[in-house]
Amino acid sequence: MDRITHVRKTETGDICEVKLSDGTEMTLQEAVKATEEGKIEGVIVGTDRAGGAYLHSKRGQYDYKLADLPEF
């Protein structure tokens, strides 16, 4: 199973794309779908106040925060 290793952010700092441990690049929406299908480990899908889906690290992973990952 793959893990998110890098992120790409918008000008406002929101994550818009991710890069997986196998080198695959995908949009945030694609990553949400892959996570729901059990293809990406270490993250879960959450819902924001507007009803949109987003990813965040599973609890208990203090050294793995998506916002702190290197950008590509």
C-alpha atoms as a PDB file:
ATOM      1  CA  MET A   1       0.000   0.000   0.000  1.00  0.00           C
ATOM      2  CA  ASP A   2       1.247   3.471  -0.854  1.00  0.00           C
ATOM      3  CA  ARG A   3       1.758   6.439   1.426  1.00  0.00           C
ATOM      4  CA  ILE A   4       1.707  10.180   0.666  1.00  0.00           C
ATOM      5  CA  THR A   5       5.280  11.485   0.682  1.00  0.00           C
ATOM      6  CA  HIS A   6       4.977  14.957  -0.927  1.00  0.00           C
ATOM      7  CA  VAL A   7       2.277  17.587  -1.404  1.00  0.00           C
ATOM      8  CA  ARG A   8       1.596  20.516  -3.702  1.00  0.00           C
ATOM      9  CA  LYS A   9      -0.198  23.523  -2.243  1.00  0.00           C
ATOM     10  CA  THR A  10      -2.244  26.381  -3.649  1.00  0.00           C
ATOM     11  CA  GLU A  11      -1.263  30.001  -3.091  1.00  0.00           C
ATOM     12  CA  THR A  12      -3.421  29.983   0.049  1.00  0.00           C
ATOM     13  CA  GLY A  13      -1.621  26.937   1.462  1.00  0.00           C
ATOM     14  CA  ASP A  14      -4.305  24.320   0.795  1.00  0.00           C
ATOM     15  CA  ILE A  15      -3.119  20.925  -0.435  1.00  0.00           C
ATOM     16  CA  CYS A  16      -4.257  20.408  -4.046  1.00  0.00           C
ATOM     17  CA  GLU A  17      -2.090  17.485  -5.215  1.00  0.00           C
ATOM     18  CA  VAL A  18      -0.128  14.657  -3.619  1.00  0.00           C
ATOM     19  CA  LYS A  19       2.741  12.372  -4.593  1.00  0.00           C
ATOM     20  CA  LEU A  20       2.772   8.776  -3.380  1.00  0.00           C
ATOM     21  CA  SER A  21       5.675   6.595  -2.306  1.00  0.00           C
ATOM     22  CA  ASP A  22       5.640   4.864  -5.719  1.00  0.00           C
ATOM     23  CA  GLY A  23       6.013   8.232  -7.504  1.00  0.00           C
ATOM     24  CA  THR A  24       2.391   8.526  -8.629  1.00  0.00           C
ATOM     25  CA  GLU A  25       1.054  12.082  -8.633  1.00  0.00           C
ATOM     26  CA  MET A  26      -2.670  12.690  -8.176  1.00  0.00           C
ATOM     27  CA  THR A  27      -5.102  15.459  -7.421  1.00  0.00           C
ATOM     28  CA  LEU A  28      -6.546  15.740  -3.950  1.00  0.00           C
ATOM     29  CA  GLN A  29      -9.880  14.419  -5.229  1.00  0.00           C
ATOM     30  CA  GLU A  30      -8.179  11.346  -6.733  1.00  0.00           C
ATOM     31  CA  ALA A  31      -6.302  10.788  -3.469  1.00  0.00           C
ATOM     32  CA  VAL A  32      -9.542  10.997  -1.483  1.00  0.00           C
ATOM     33  CA  LYS A  33     -11.083   8.335  -3.716  1.00  0.00           C
ATOM     34  CA  ALA A  34      -7.987   6.107  -3.486  1.00  0.00           C
ATOM     35  CA  THR A  35      -8.018   6.451   0.318  1.00  0.00           C
ATOM     36  CA  GLU A  36     -11.689   5.472   0.453  1.00  0.00           C
ATOM     37  CA  GLU A  37     -10.801   2.416  -1.641  1.00  0.00           C
ATOM     38  CA  GLY A  38      -8.051   1.475   0.834  1.00  0.00           C
ATOM     39  CA  LYS A  39      -5.162   2.180  -1.556  1.00  0.00           C
ATOM     40  CA  ILE A  40      -3.375   4.831   0.545  1.00  0.00           C
ATOM     41  CA  GLU A  41      -2.264   4.221   4.114  1.00  0.00           C
ATOM     42  CA  GLY A  42      -1.674   6.667   6.943  1.00  0.00           C
ATOM     43  CA  VAL A  43      -4.549   9.010   6.100  1.00  0.00           C
ATOM     44  CA  ILE A  44      -8.319   9.094   6.446  1.00  0.00           C
ATOM     45  CA  VAL A  45     -11.027  11.080   4.702  1.00  0.00           C
ATOM     46  CA  GLY A  46     -12.717  13.870   6.616  1.00  0.00           C
ATOM     47  CA  THR A  47     -15.547  16.248   5.735  1.00  0.00           C
ATOM     48  CA  ASP A  48     -15.206  20.019   6.052  1.00  0.00           C
ATOM     49  CA  ARG A  49     -17.986  22.390   7.126  1.00  0.00           C
ATOM     50  CA  ALA A  50     -19.065  22.936   3.543  1.00  0.00           C
ATOM     51  CA  GLY A  51     -19.451  19.184   3.007  1.00  0.00           C
ATOM     52  CA  GLY A  52     -16.289  18.743   0.945  1.00  0.00           C
ATOM     53  CA  ALA A  53     -13.924  15.809   1.451  1.00  0.00           C
ATOM     54  CA  TYR A  54     -10.312  16.230   2.537  1.00  0.00           C
ATOM     55  CA  LEU A  55      -7.479  14.049   3.837  1.00  0.00           C
ATOM     56  CA  HIS A  56      -5.815  14.124   7.208  1.00  0.00           C
ATOM     57  CA  SER A  57      -3.347  11.914   9.034  1.00  0.00           C
ATOM     58  CA  LYS A  58      -4.651   9.075  11.161  1.00  0.00           C
ATOM     59  CA  ARG A  59      -4.485   9.761  14.882  1.00  0.00           C
ATOM     60  CA  GLY A  60      -1.386   8.646  16.740  1.00  0.00           C
ATOM     61  CA  GLN A  61       1.036   9.456  13.912  1.00  0.00           C
ATOM     62  CA  TYR A  62       2.863  12.349  15.498  1.00  0.00           C
ATOM     63  CA  ASP A  63       5.651  12.342  12.901  1.00  0.00           C
ATOM     64  CA  TYR A  64       3.312  12.273   9.877  1.00  0.00           C
ATOM     65  CA  LYS A  65       1.338  15.443   9.208  1.00  0.00           C
ATOM     66  CA  LEU A  66       0.351  16.196   5.623  1.00  0.00           C
ATOM     67  CA  ALA A  67       0.892  19.949   5.982  1.00  0.00           C
ATOM     68  CA  ASP A  68       4.503  19.328   7.030  1.00  0.00           C
ATOM     69  CA  LEU A  69       5.433  17.038   4.131  1.00  0.00           C
ATOM     70  CA  PRO A  70       7.871  18.404   1.518  1.00  0.00           C
ATOM     71  CA  GLU A  71       6.442  20.049  -1.581  1.00  0.00           C
ATOM     72  CA  PHE A  72       7.060  18.863  -5.120  1.00  0.00           C
END
